[in-house]
């Protein structure tokens, strides 16, 4: 009887210990978040059309402030980074402090169903204290790219959000329960040590942007980047009108992998397996944006 009891206690200890070790921290320098923002127009009964989409990137690095790390943001494909605040994690709670030194609670991954969280912060625009209440309505476990992660469903009035352990809100790392009038925010991808740990299933890329007017203008002059799905070379053809323009190729992280001036009507490019965004710029105006997948 005692032997069975001890075995039971040992198994329970191992289970609890493994659970505690399995918690995935958000505040890590090895992680990178790709976040999408955009606008909405042409509202109708079936929804609204998207426009003006752009991708920004968030990463975390060391700082001189005790117990805090700095949050860095890039809006130019990670060529330059700007500090936008500080972040810390304690007891499965994530706190963010903006440039005004106002600290807010972003996440609490130790909550239970039925708990409420009060967000209380000072609005520097209107100069008064603002707050809203978030309710925890469900907690489950979901597989994200081969790893089971705790997912917390929360609600703020009519706004629903999901917090994923080690990843953050599906609206973006700094956007829990956010609401943008006439626009939207979405988390596209998350990487840890260059390994992708999250993919937005509604989107096909980790880097999205809109330049529709210029794209249509160039299509009408019959310029081609092909094939869009290939195992080999990419051909860029028929550039009579934009010889002298700049070609920039981005990977899914928004990093520049190739950059050159277009000097001839036909260009052959060989790239490794992956997803790329081909961008052609003429006189500081983006003329075309096209996704190419190399298998």
C-alpha atoms as a PDB file:
ATOM      1  CA  UNK A   1       0.000   0.000   0.000  1.00  0.00           C
ATOM      2  CA  UNK A   2       2.776   2.408   0.972  1.00  0.00           C
ATOM      3  CA  UNK A   3       4.742   1.505  -2.157  1.00  0.00           C
ATOM      4  CA  UNK A   4       1.773   2.378  -4.369  1.00  0.00           C
ATOM      5  CA  UNK A   5       1.278   5.645  -2.489  1.00  0.00           C
ATOM      6  CA  UNK A   6       4.903   6.681  -2.956  1.00  0.00           C
ATOM      7  CA  UNK A   7       4.751   5.863  -6.665  1.00  0.00           C
ATOM      8  CA  UNK A   8       1.619   7.998  -6.978  1.00  0.00           C
ATOM      9  CA  UNK A   9       3.286  10.935  -5.195  1.00  0.00           C
ATOM     10  CA  UNK A  10       6.404  10.559  -7.349  1.00  0.00           C
ATOM     11  CA  UNK A  11       4.403  10.563 -10.590  1.00  0.00           C
ATOM     12  CA  UNK A  12       2.430  13.593  -9.435  1.00  0.00           C
ATOM     13  CA  UNK A  13       5.651  15.450  -8.589  1.00  0.00           C
ATOM     14  CA  UNK A  14       7.175  14.627 -11.965  1.00  0.00           C
ATOM     15  CA  UNK A  15       4.044  15.798 -13.761  1.00  0.00           C
ATOM     16  CA  UNK A  16       3.892  19.097 -11.895  1.00  0.00           C
ATOM     17  CA  UNK A  17       7.618  19.628 -12.304  1.00  0.00           C
ATOM     18  CA  UNK A  18       7.525  18.991 -16.027  1.00  0.00           C
ATOM     19  CA  UNK A  19       4.556  21.360 -16.363  1.00  0.00           C
ATOM     20  CA  UNK A  20       6.404  24.146 -14.619  1.00  0.00           C
ATOM     21  CA  UNK A  21       9.479  23.590 -16.779  1.00  0.00           C
ATOM     22  CA  UNK A  22       7.331  23.580 -19.907  1.00  0.00           C
ATOM     23  CA  UNK A  23       6.263  27.224 -19.578  1.00  0.00           C
ATOM     24  CA  UNK A  24       7.496  29.230 -22.569  1.00  0.00           C
ATOM     25  CA  UNK A  25       8.516  32.777 -21.738  1.00  0.00           C
ATOM     26  CA  UNK A  26       7.615  35.686 -24.012  1.00  0.00           C
ATOM     27  CA  UNK A  27      10.376  38.033 -22.886  1.00  0.00           C
ATOM     28  CA  UNK A  28      13.291  36.437 -24.743  1.00  0.00           C
ATOM     29  CA  UNK A  29      15.935  38.102 -26.925  1.00  0.00           C
ATOM     30  CA  UNK A  30      15.764  35.160 -29.331  1.00  0.00           C
ATOM     31  CA  UNK A  31      12.203  35.931 -30.447  1.00  0.00           C
ATOM     32  CA  UNK A  32      10.936  38.049 -33.338  1.00  0.00           C
ATOM     33  CA  UNK A  33       7.329  39.101 -33.978  1.00  0.00           C
ATOM     34  CA  UNK A  34       5.974  40.065 -37.428  1.00  0.00           C
ATOM     35  CA  UNK A  35       2.874  42.246 -37.016  1.00  0.00           C
ATOM     36  CA  UNK A  36       0.363  43.359 -39.642  1.00  0.00           C
ATOM     37  CA  UNK A  37      -1.642  46.590 -39.588  1.00  0.00           C
ATOM     38  CA  UNK A  38      -4.006  48.020 -42.167  1.00  0.00           C
ATOM     39  CA  UNK A  39      -7.183  49.903 -42.968  1.00  0.00           C
ATOM     40  CA  UNK A  40     -10.707  48.947 -43.991  1.00  0.00           C
ATOM     41  CA  UNK A  41     -12.957  50.532 -46.611  1.00  0.00           C
ATOM     42  CA  UNK A  42     -16.031  49.873 -48.775  1.00  0.00           C
ATOM     43  CA  UNK A  43     -18.072  48.491 -45.864  1.00  0.00           C
ATOM     44  CA  UNK A  44     -20.995  46.255 -46.856  1.00  0.00           C
ATOM     45  CA  UNK A  45     -23.175  43.474 -45.474  1.00  0.00           C
ATOM     46  CA  UNK A  46     -20.519  40.888 -46.396  1.00  0.00           C
ATOM     47  CA  UNK A  47     -17.672  42.762 -44.740  1.00  0.00           C
ATOM     48  CA  UNK A  48     -15.076  45.344 -45.701  1.00  0.00           C
ATOM     49  CA  UNK A  49     -12.113  45.442 -48.055  1.00  0.00           C
ATOM     50  CA  UNK A  50      -8.566  45.736 -46.748  1.00  0.00           C
ATOM     51  CA  UNK A  51      -6.107  48.395 -47.807  1.00  0.00           C
ATOM     52  CA  UNK A  52      -2.880  50.069 -46.762  1.00  0.00           C
ATOM     53  CA  UNK A  53      -1.409  46.902 -45.226  1.00  0.00           C
ATOM     54  CA  UNK A  54       2.066  47.169 -43.742  1.00  0.00           C
ATOM     55  CA  UNK A  55       4.284  44.913 -41.648  1.00  0.00           C
ATOM     56  CA  UNK A  56       6.332  45.930 -38.635  1.00  0.00           C
ATOM     57  CA  UNK A  57       8.699  43.870 -36.529  1.00  0.00           C
ATOM     58  CA  UNK A  58       9.192  43.651 -32.761  1.00  0.00           C
ATOM     59  CA  UNK A  59      12.146  42.200 -30.857  1.00  0.00           C
ATOM     60  CA  UNK A  60      13.484  42.338 -27.298  1.00  0.00           C
ATOM     61  CA  UNK A  61      16.988  43.216 -26.120  1.00  0.00           C
ATOM     62  CA  UNK A  62      18.868  44.013 -22.929  1.00  0.00           C
ATOM     63  CA  UNK A  63      18.558  47.397 -21.246  1.00  0.00           C
ATOM     64  CA  UNK A  64      20.154  49.279 -18.363  1.00  0.00           C
ATOM     65  CA  UNK A  65      16.861  49.421 -16.416  1.00  0.00           C
ATOM     66  CA  UNK A  66      16.843  46.809 -13.662  1.00  0.00           C
ATOM     67  CA  UNK A  67      14.502  43.837 -14.260  1.00  0.00           C
ATOM     68  CA  UNK A  68      13.393  45.259 -17.617  1.00  0.00           C
ATOM     69  CA  UNK A  69      14.364  44.611 -21.210  1.00  0.00           C
ATOM     70  CA  UNK A  70      13.872  47.066 -24.040  1.00  0.00           C
ATOM     71  CA  UNK A  71      11.314  46.600 -26.809  1.00  0.00           C
ATOM     72  CA  UNK A  72      12.554  47.509 -30.281  1.00  0.00           C
ATOM     73  CA  UNK A  73      10.434  48.121 -33.369  1.00  0.00           C
ATOM     74  CA  UNK A  74      11.313  48.263 -37.065  1.00  0.00           C
ATOM     75  CA  UNK A  75       9.102  49.548 -39.862  1.00  0.00           C
ATOM     76  CA  UNK A  76      11.712  49.319 -42.640  1.00  0.00           C
ATOM     77  CA  UNK A  77      12.344  45.569 -42.938  1.00  0.00           C
ATOM     78  CA  UNK A  78      14.622  45.529 -39.880  1.00  0.00           C
ATOM     79  CA  UNK A  79      17.251  47.851 -41.324  1.00  0.00           C
ATOM     80  CA  UNK A  80      16.786  50.216 -38.372  1.00  0.00           C
ATOM     81  CA  UNK A  81      15.336  49.672 -34.905  1.00  0.00           C
ATOM     82  CA  UNK A  82      13.753  52.157 -32.514  1.00  0.00           C
ATOM     83  CA  UNK A  83      13.124  51.669 -28.816  1.00  0.00           C
ATOM     84  CA  UNK A  84       9.407  51.991 -28.010  1.00  0.00           C
ATOM     85  CA  UNK A  85       9.367  50.893 -24.376  1.00  0.00           C
ATOM     86  CA  UNK A  86      10.408  48.315 -21.825  1.00  0.00           C
ATOM     87  CA  UNK A  87       9.050  44.906 -20.903  1.00  0.00           C
ATOM     88  CA  UNK A  88       9.436  42.451 -18.036  1.00  0.00           C
ATOM     89  CA  UNK A  89       7.995  39.081 -17.076  1.00  0.00           C
ATOM     90  CA  UNK A  90       7.349  37.911 -13.523  1.00  0.00           C
ATOM     91  CA  UNK A  91       5.224  35.020 -12.253  1.00  0.00           C
ATOM     92  CA  UNK A  92       3.764  34.474 -15.753  1.00  0.00           C
ATOM     93  CA  UNK A  93       2.725  38.135 -15.929  1.00  0.00           C
ATOM     94  CA  UNK A  94       4.076  40.421 -18.670  1.00  0.00           C
ATOM     95  CA  UNK A  95       4.345  44.156 -18.004  1.00  0.00           C
ATOM     96  CA  UNK A  96       5.005  46.885 -20.566  1.00  0.00           C
ATOM     97  CA  UNK A  97       6.280  50.389 -19.844  1.00  0.00           C
ATOM     98  CA  UNK A  98       5.974  53.013 -22.603  1.00  0.00           C
ATOM     99  CA  UNK A  99       8.065  56.134 -23.274  1.00  0.00           C
ATOM    100  CA  UNK A 100       6.123  58.060 -20.593  1.00  0.00           C
ATOM    101  CA  UNK A 101       7.221  55.452 -18.021  1.00  0.00           C
ATOM    102  CA  UNK A 102       3.612  54.314 -17.556  1.00  0.00           C
ATOM    103  CA  UNK A 103       3.514  50.591 -16.731  1.00  0.00           C
ATOM    104  CA  UNK A 104       0.592  48.390 -17.802  1.00  0.00           C
ATOM    105  CA  UNK A 105      -0.110  44.692 -17.418  1.00  0.00           C
ATOM    106  CA  UNK A 106      -0.146  43.128 -20.911  1.00  0.00           C
ATOM    107  CA  UNK A 107      -0.729  39.450 -20.071  1.00  0.00           C
ATOM    108  CA  UNK A 108      -1.326  37.109 -17.157  1.00  0.00           C
ATOM    109  CA  UNK A 109      -0.800  33.484 -18.167  1.00  0.00           C
ATOM    110  CA  UNK A 110      -1.618  32.278 -14.654  1.00  0.00           C
ATOM    111  CA  UNK A 111      -5.305  33.183 -14.820  1.00  0.00           C
ATOM    112  CA  UNK A 112      -8.245  30.794 -14.525  1.00  0.00           C
ATOM    113  CA  UNK A 113     -11.589  30.728 -16.326  1.00  0.00           C
ATOM    114  CA  UNK A 114     -13.864  33.347 -14.788  1.00  0.00           C
ATOM    115  CA  UNK A 115     -11.036  35.657 -13.678  1.00  0.00           C
ATOM    116  CA  UNK A 116     -11.078  39.335 -14.590  1.00  0.00           C
ATOM    117  CA  UNK A 117      -8.107  41.573 -15.358  1.00  0.00           C
ATOM    118  CA  UNK A 118      -8.213  45.348 -14.940  1.00  0.00           C
ATOM    119  CA  UNK A 119      -6.065  47.403 -17.302  1.00  0.00           C
ATOM    120  CA  UNK A 120      -5.365  50.785 -15.718  1.00  0.00           C
ATOM    121  CA  UNK A 121      -3.132  53.357 -17.403  1.00  0.00           C
ATOM    122  CA  UNK A 122      -2.633  57.100 -17.866  1.00  0.00           C
ATOM    123  CA  UNK A 123      -3.619  58.439 -21.292  1.00  0.00           C
ATOM    124  CA  UNK A 124      -1.015  61.049 -22.252  1.00  0.00           C
ATOM    125  CA  UNK A 125      -3.241  62.379 -25.045  1.00  0.00           C
ATOM    126  CA  UNK A 126      -6.328  63.178 -22.975  1.00  0.00           C
ATOM    127  CA  UNK A 127      -4.497  63.444 -19.625  1.00  0.00           C
ATOM    128  CA  UNK A 128      -6.767  61.217 -17.608  1.00  0.00           C
ATOM    129  CA  UNK A 129      -6.617  57.712 -16.226  1.00  0.00           C
ATOM    130  CA  UNK A 130      -8.330  55.175 -18.441  1.00  0.00           C
ATOM    131  CA  UNK A 131      -9.136  51.548 -17.743  1.00  0.00           C
ATOM    132  CA  UNK A 132     -11.017  48.567 -19.095  1.00  0.00           C
ATOM    133  CA  UNK A 133     -11.815  45.094 -17.801  1.00  0.00           C
ATOM    134  CA  UNK A 134     -10.955  41.820 -19.544  1.00  0.00           C
ATOM    135  CA  UNK A 135     -12.768  38.573 -18.712  1.00  0.00           C
ATOM    136  CA  UNK A 136     -11.216  35.117 -19.083  1.00  0.00           C
ATOM    137  CA  UNK A 137     -13.852  32.921 -20.759  1.00  0.00           C
ATOM    138  CA  UNK A 138     -11.935  29.790 -21.823  1.00  0.00           C
ATOM    139  CA  UNK A 139      -8.541  28.062 -21.544  1.00  0.00           C
ATOM    140  CA  UNK A 140      -7.390  25.203 -23.766  1.00  0.00           C
ATOM    141  CA  UNK A 141      -4.295  23.737 -25.449  1.00  0.00           C
ATOM    142  CA  UNK A 142      -3.657  24.098 -29.182  1.00  0.00           C
ATOM    143  CA  UNK A 143      -0.925  22.754 -31.460  1.00  0.00           C
ATOM    144  CA  UNK A 144       1.096  25.516 -33.101  1.00  0.00           C
ATOM    145  CA  UNK A 145       3.622  24.272 -35.665  1.00  0.00           C
ATOM    146  CA  UNK A 146       4.195  21.023 -33.783  1.00  0.00           C
ATOM    147  CA  UNK A 147       4.151  22.296 -30.194  1.00  0.00           C
ATOM    148  CA  UNK A 148       1.189  22.302 -27.805  1.00  0.00           C
ATOM    149  CA  UNK A 149       0.683  25.725 -26.248  1.00  0.00           C
ATOM    150  CA  UNK A 150      -1.709  27.051 -23.652  1.00  0.00           C
ATOM    151  CA  UNK A 151      -4.309  29.358 -25.199  1.00  0.00           C
ATOM    152  CA  UNK A 152      -6.434  31.767 -23.189  1.00  0.00           C
ATOM    153  CA  UNK A 153      -9.601  33.223 -24.678  1.00  0.00           C
ATOM    154  CA  UNK A 154     -10.466  36.623 -23.238  1.00  0.00           C
ATOM    155  CA  UNK A 155     -13.190  39.179 -23.866  1.00  0.00           C
ATOM    156  CA  UNK A 156     -13.384  42.945 -23.505  1.00  0.00           C
ATOM    157  CA  UNK A 157     -16.994  43.987 -24.065  1.00  0.00           C
ATOM    158  CA  UNK A 158     -17.663  42.541 -27.557  1.00  0.00           C
ATOM    159  CA  UNK A 159     -13.978  42.189 -28.476  1.00  0.00           C
ATOM    160  CA  UNK A 160     -12.580  38.655 -28.284  1.00  0.00           C
ATOM    161  CA  UNK A 161      -8.876  37.844 -28.223  1.00  0.00           C
ATOM    162  CA  UNK A 162      -6.620  34.806 -27.789  1.00  0.00           C
ATOM    163  CA  UNK A 163      -3.409  34.860 -25.753  1.00  0.00           C
ATOM    164  CA  UNK A 164      -0.955  32.112 -26.683  1.00  0.00           C
ATOM    165  CA  UNK A 165       1.742  31.099 -24.208  1.00  0.00           C
ATOM    166  CA  UNK A 166       5.186  32.139 -25.443  1.00  0.00           C
ATOM    167  CA  UNK A 167       3.672  34.098 -28.337  1.00  0.00           C
ATOM    168  CA  UNK A 168       1.184  36.694 -27.089  1.00  0.00           C
ATOM    169  CA  UNK A 169      -2.012  38.065 -28.588  1.00  0.00           C
ATOM    170  CA  UNK A 170      -3.187  37.103 -32.080  1.00  0.00           C
ATOM    171  CA  UNK A 171      -3.523  40.883 -32.624  1.00  0.00           C
ATOM    172  CA  UNK A 172       0.195  41.407 -32.045  1.00  0.00           C
ATOM    173  CA  UNK A 173       2.607  41.196 -29.138  1.00  0.00           C
ATOM    174  CA  UNK A 174       1.673  44.666 -27.801  1.00  0.00           C
ATOM    175  CA  UNK A 175      -1.996  44.587 -28.858  1.00  0.00           C
ATOM    176  CA  UNK A 176      -4.024  42.446 -26.400  1.00  0.00           C
ATOM    177  CA  UNK A 177      -7.760  43.085 -26.880  1.00  0.00           C
ATOM    178  CA  UNK A 178      -7.035  46.040 -29.148  1.00  0.00           C
ATOM    179  CA  UNK A 179      -9.678  47.682 -31.303  1.00  0.00           C
ATOM    180  CA  UNK A 180      -8.845  50.017 -34.191  1.00  0.00           C
ATOM    181  CA  UNK A 181     -11.639  52.101 -35.697  1.00  0.00           C
ATOM    182  CA  UNK A 182     -11.581  51.656 -39.454  1.00  0.00           C
ATOM    183  CA  UNK A 183      -8.581  49.344 -39.307  1.00  0.00           C
ATOM    184  CA  UNK A 184      -7.151  46.100 -37.975  1.00  0.00           C
ATOM    185  CA  UNK A 185      -4.112  44.545 -36.291  1.00  0.00           C
ATOM    186  CA  UNK A 186      -2.950  40.933 -36.690  1.00  0.00           C
ATOM    187  CA  UNK A 187       0.001  38.823 -35.650  1.00  0.00           C
ATOM    188  CA  UNK A 188       1.513  37.292 -38.806  1.00  0.00           C
ATOM    189  CA  UNK A 189       4.435  35.154 -37.590  1.00  0.00           C
ATOM    190  CA  UNK A 190       6.700  34.544 -34.615  1.00  0.00           C
ATOM    191  CA  UNK A 191      10.238  33.156 -34.750  1.00  0.00           C
ATOM    192  CA  UNK A 192      12.496  31.847 -31.986  1.00  0.00           C
ATOM    193  CA  UNK A 193      16.180  31.397 -32.831  1.00  0.00           C
ATOM    194  CA  UNK A 194      15.198  31.704 -36.531  1.00  0.00           C
ATOM    195  CA  UNK A 195      12.739  28.796 -36.154  1.00  0.00           C
ATOM    196  CA  UNK A 196       9.116  29.683 -36.899  1.00  0.00           C
ATOM    197  CA  UNK A 197       6.809  28.935 -33.955  1.00  0.00           C
ATOM    198  CA  UNK A 198       3.633  30.687 -35.121  1.00  0.00           C
ATOM    199  CA  UNK A 199       1.906  31.303 -38.463  1.00  0.00           C
ATOM    200  CA  UNK A 200      -1.300  33.259 -39.026  1.00  0.00           C
ATOM    201  CA  UNK A 201      -3.448  30.706 -40.863  1.00  0.00           C
ATOM    202  CA  UNK A 202      -5.410  33.443 -42.646  1.00  0.00           C
ATOM    203  CA  UNK A 203      -2.257  34.829 -44.259  1.00  0.00           C
ATOM    204  CA  UNK A 204       0.288  33.204 -46.560  1.00  0.00           C
ATOM    205  CA  UNK A 205       3.332  35.296 -45.657  1.00  0.00           C
ATOM    206  CA  UNK A 206       5.201  36.873 -42.765  1.00  0.00           C
ATOM    207  CA  UNK A 207       5.582  40.114 -44.728  1.00  0.00           C
ATOM    208  CA  UNK A 208       2.621  41.891 -46.356  1.00  0.00           C
ATOM    209  CA  UNK A 209       2.262  45.348 -47.858  1.00  0.00           C
ATOM    210  CA  UNK A 210      -0.094  47.119 -50.274  1.00  0.00           C
ATOM    211  CA  UNK A 211       0.866  49.224 -53.271  1.00  0.00           C
ATOM    212  CA  UNK A 212      -2.171  48.472 -55.427  1.00  0.00           C
ATOM    213  CA  UNK A 213      -2.236  51.556 -57.671  1.00  0.00           C
ATOM    214  CA  UNK A 214       1.374  51.208 -58.806  1.00  0.00           C
ATOM    215  CA  UNK A 215       0.999  47.433 -59.152  1.00  0.00           C
ATOM    216  CA  UNK A 216      -1.900  47.864 -61.599  1.00  0.00           C
ATOM    217  CA  UNK A 217      -0.016  50.528 -63.503  1.00  0.00           C
ATOM    218  CA  UNK A 218       2.934  48.225 -64.086  1.00  0.00           C
ATOM    219  CA  UNK A 219       0.730  45.234 -64.944  1.00  0.00           C
ATOM    220  CA  UNK A 220      -0.784  47.236 -67.778  1.00  0.00           C
ATOM    221  CA  UNK A 221       2.677  47.588 -69.344  1.00  0.00           C
ATOM    222  CA  UNK A 222       3.048  43.760 -69.307  1.00  0.00           C
ATOM    223  CA  UNK A 223       5.965  43.346 -66.945  1.00  0.00           C
ATOM    224  CA  UNK A 224       6.400  39.841 -65.540  1.00  0.00           C
ATOM    225  CA  UNK A 225       8.119  38.125 -62.629  1.00  0.00           C
ATOM    226  CA  UNK A 226       7.720  34.375 -63.109  1.00  0.00           C
ATOM    227  CA  UNK A 227       7.102  31.648 -62.198  1.00  0.00           C
ATOM    228  CA  UNK A 228       5.453  32.422 -58.854  1.00  0.00           C
ATOM    229  CA  UNK A 229       5.984  28.806 -57.721  1.00  0.00           C
ATOM    230  CA  UNK A 230       9.240  27.167 -58.788  1.00  0.00           C
ATOM    231  CA  UNK A 231      12.135  24.911 -57.823  1.00  0.00           C
ATOM    232  CA  UNK A 232      14.709  26.884 -59.788  1.00  0.00           C
ATOM    233  CA  UNK A 233      15.460  30.279 -61.299  1.00  0.00           C
ATOM    234  CA  UNK A 234      13.239  33.344 -61.342  1.00  0.00           C
ATOM    235  CA  UNK A 235      12.903  35.359 -64.557  1.00  0.00           C
ATOM    236  CA  UNK A 236      12.178  39.089 -64.532  1.00  0.00           C
ATOM    237  CA  UNK A 237      11.211  40.184 -68.039  1.00  0.00           C
ATOM    238  CA  UNK A 238      10.176  43.170 -70.200  1.00  0.00           C
ATOM    239  CA  UNK A 239      11.470  46.230 -68.358  1.00  0.00           C
ATOM    240  CA  UNK A 240      11.563  48.850 -71.144  1.00  0.00           C
ATOM    241  CA  UNK A 241       9.788  51.464 -69.017  1.00  0.00           C
ATOM    242  CA  UNK A 242      11.711  51.008 -65.778  1.00  0.00           C
ATOM    243  CA  UNK A 243      15.304  50.156 -66.695  1.00  0.00           C
ATOM    244  CA  UNK A 244      17.365  51.912 -64.049  1.00  0.00           C
ATOM    245  CA  UNK A 245      14.880  51.048 -61.291  1.00  0.00           C
ATOM    246  CA  UNK A 246      15.936  49.192 -58.146  1.00  0.00           C
ATOM    247  CA  UNK A 247      15.043  45.572 -57.441  1.00  0.00           C
ATOM    248  CA  UNK A 248      14.923  44.526 -53.765  1.00  0.00           C
ATOM    249  CA  UNK A 249      14.151  40.949 -52.704  1.00  0.00           C
ATOM    250  CA  UNK A 250      12.996  40.281 -49.121  1.00  0.00           C
ATOM    251  CA  UNK A 251      12.723  36.965 -47.280  1.00  0.00           C
ATOM    252  CA  UNK A 252       9.764  36.167 -45.006  1.00  0.00           C
ATOM    253  CA  UNK A 253      11.471  37.950 -42.107  1.00  0.00           C
ATOM    254  CA  UNK A 254      11.587  41.165 -44.110  1.00  0.00           C
ATOM    255  CA  UNK A 255      15.368  40.955 -44.479  1.00  0.00           C
ATOM    256  CA  UNK A 256      16.932  42.061 -47.766  1.00  0.00           C
ATOM    257  CA  UNK A 257      18.516  39.038 -49.491  1.00  0.00           C
ATOM    258  CA  UNK A 258      19.261  40.657 -52.841  1.00  0.00           C
ATOM    259  CA  UNK A 259      19.454  44.201 -54.157  1.00  0.00           C
ATOM    260  CA  UNK A 260      20.416  45.473 -57.613  1.00  0.00           C
ATOM    261  CA  UNK A 261      19.742  48.080 -60.284  1.00  0.00           C
ATOM    262  CA  UNK A 262      17.800  46.829 -63.324  1.00  0.00           C
ATOM    263  CA  UNK A 263      20.043  47.407 -66.351  1.00  0.00           C
ATOM    264  CA  UNK A 264      18.662  44.956 -68.919  1.00  0.00           C
ATOM    265  CA  UNK A 265      15.264  43.786 -70.200  1.00  0.00           C
ATOM    266  CA  UNK A 266      15.743  40.263 -68.855  1.00  0.00           C
ATOM    267  CA  UNK A 267      17.138  39.163 -65.462  1.00  0.00           C
ATOM    268  CA  UNK A 268      17.727  35.652 -64.143  1.00  0.00           C
ATOM    269  CA  UNK A 269      17.838  35.225 -60.335  1.00  0.00           C
ATOM    270  CA  UNK A 270      18.687  32.052 -58.424  1.00  0.00           C
ATOM    271  CA  UNK A 271      17.556  31.846 -54.789  1.00  0.00           C
ATOM    272  CA  UNK A 272      17.496  29.147 -52.119  1.00  0.00           C
ATOM    273  CA  UNK A 273      14.300  27.380 -51.030  1.00  0.00           C
ATOM    274  CA  UNK A 274      11.890  29.752 -49.314  1.00  0.00           C
ATOM    275  CA  UNK A 275       9.285  32.507 -49.697  1.00  0.00           C
ATOM    276  CA  UNK A 276      10.345  35.877 -51.095  1.00  0.00           C
ATOM    277  CA  UNK A 277       8.833  39.291 -51.763  1.00  0.00           C
ATOM    278  CA  UNK A 278      10.065  40.936 -54.987  1.00  0.00           C
ATOM    279  CA  UNK A 279       9.866  44.727 -54.890  1.00  0.00           C
ATOM    280  CA  UNK A 280      10.662  47.126 -57.734  1.00  0.00           C
ATOM    281  CA  UNK A 281      11.240  50.780 -56.866  1.00  0.00           C
ATOM    282  CA  UNK A 282      11.458  53.627 -59.382  1.00  0.00           C
ATOM    283  CA  UNK A 283      12.300  57.141 -58.173  1.00  0.00           C
ATOM    284  CA  UNK A 284      11.379  56.225 -54.583  1.00  0.00           C
ATOM    285  CA  UNK A 285       7.973  54.912 -55.707  1.00  0.00           C
ATOM    286  CA  UNK A 286       7.255  51.202 -55.234  1.00  0.00           C
ATOM    287  CA  UNK A 287       6.022  49.935 -58.610  1.00  0.00           C
ATOM    288  CA  UNK A 288       5.345  46.273 -57.936  1.00  0.00           C
ATOM    289  CA  UNK A 289       5.238  43.826 -55.027  1.00  0.00           C
ATOM    290  CA  UNK A 290       5.018  40.122 -55.805  1.00  0.00           C
ATOM    291  CA  UNK A 291       5.392  36.959 -53.731  1.00  0.00           C
ATOM    292  CA  UNK A 292       7.534  34.132 -55.115  1.00  0.00           C
ATOM    293  CA  UNK A 293       7.698  30.654 -53.576  1.00  0.00           C
ATOM    294  CA  UNK A 294      10.743  28.452 -54.260  1.00  0.00           C
ATOM    295  CA  UNK A 295      10.181  24.833 -53.251  1.00  0.00           C
END
